[in-house]
Amino acid sequence: MQAAPVRATAIPSFTTALRAVESLLMSSGQRTARRNAWTSVLEDRRRAKDRVEAERVLEQTPAPRL
């Protein structure tokens, strides 16, 4: 007797599931606006992180002698 073949179905990621629900509930324009807004949030966070790092570097740099 042979064992039945096992079928593996990939479980969608949370992001994939969320996008599927989003596509059902929102029009295309709203989805684009939401994604653009999230991209802006991520970019703002990156710039803030870069700004903090630049401030640290400037604080550690000795002042020039006159």
Protein backbone atom coordinates (compact mmCIF):
# COMPACT_ATOMS: atom_id res chain seq x y z
CA MET A 1 0.00 0.00 0.00
CA GLN A 2 1.36 3.43 -0.94
CA ALA A 3 0.82 6.60 1.00
CA ALA A 4 -1.32 9.26 -0.60
CA PRO A 5 0.69 12.11 -2.16
CA VAL A 6 0.99 15.17 0.04
CA ARG A 7 -0.07 18.47 -1.48
CA ALA A 8 1.49 21.56 -0.04
CA THR A 9 -0.43 24.75 -0.45
CA ALA A 10 1.35 27.94 0.40
CA ILE A 11 -0.32 29.94 3.12
CA PRO A 12 -0.51 33.56 1.98
CA SER A 13 1.48 36.04 3.99
CA PHE A 14 -0.26 38.59 6.15
CA THR A 15 0.65 41.31 3.64
CA THR A 16 -0.84 39.35 0.76
CA ALA A 17 -4.04 38.70 2.71
CA LEU A 18 -4.28 42.35 3.74
CA ARG A 19 -3.86 43.52 0.14
CA ALA A 20 -6.59 41.10 -0.98
CA VAL A 21 -9.01 42.51 1.60
CA GLU A 22 -7.92 46.03 0.70
CA SER A 23 -8.64 45.44 -2.98
CA LEU A 24 -12.15 44.24 -2.13
CA LEU A 25 -12.96 47.20 0.10
CA MET A 26 -11.29 50.11 -1.67
CA SER A 27 -11.21 51.53 -5.12
CA SER A 28 -7.95 51.62 -7.03
CA GLY A 29 -7.36 55.30 -6.30
CA GLN A 30 -7.73 54.81 -2.56
CA ARG A 31 -5.28 51.91 -2.59
CA THR A 32 -2.74 53.99 -4.48
CA ALA A 33 -3.19 56.90 -2.07
CA ARG A 34 -2.76 54.63 0.95
CA ARG A 35 0.40 53.05 -0.46
CA ASN A 36 1.80 56.47 -1.35
CA ALA A 37 1.08 57.71 2.16
CA TRP A 38 2.80 54.68 3.73
CA THR A 39 5.81 55.15 1.44
CA SER A 40 6.00 58.78 2.61
CA VAL A 41 5.87 57.69 6.26
CA LEU A 42 8.73 55.25 5.71
CA GLU A 43 10.78 57.89 3.88
CA ASP A 44 10.17 60.43 6.69
CA ARG A 45 11.37 57.86 9.24
CA ARG A 46 14.50 57.19 7.18
CA ARG A 47 15.28 60.91 6.90
CA ALA A 48 14.76 61.38 10.66
CA LYS A 49 17.13 58.49 11.37
CA ASP A 50 19.72 59.98 8.98
CA ARG A 51 19.33 63.40 10.63
CA VAL A 52 19.94 61.96 14.10
CA GLU A 53 23.03 60.13 12.84
CA ALA A 54 24.36 63.32 11.21
CA GLU A 55 23.86 65.24 14.48
CA ARG A 56 25.85 62.58 16.37
CA VAL A 57 28.70 62.80 13.87
CA LEU A 58 28.75 66.61 14.05
CA GLU A 59 28.76 66.55 17.86
CA GLN A 60 31.75 64.19 17.87
CA THR A 61 33.73 66.27 15.38
CA PRO A 62 36.12 68.67 17.09
CA ALA A 63 35.58 72.37 16.47
CA PRO A 64 38.11 73.96 14.10
CA ARG A 65 40.78 76.15 15.68
CA LEU A 66 40.79 79.78 14.63
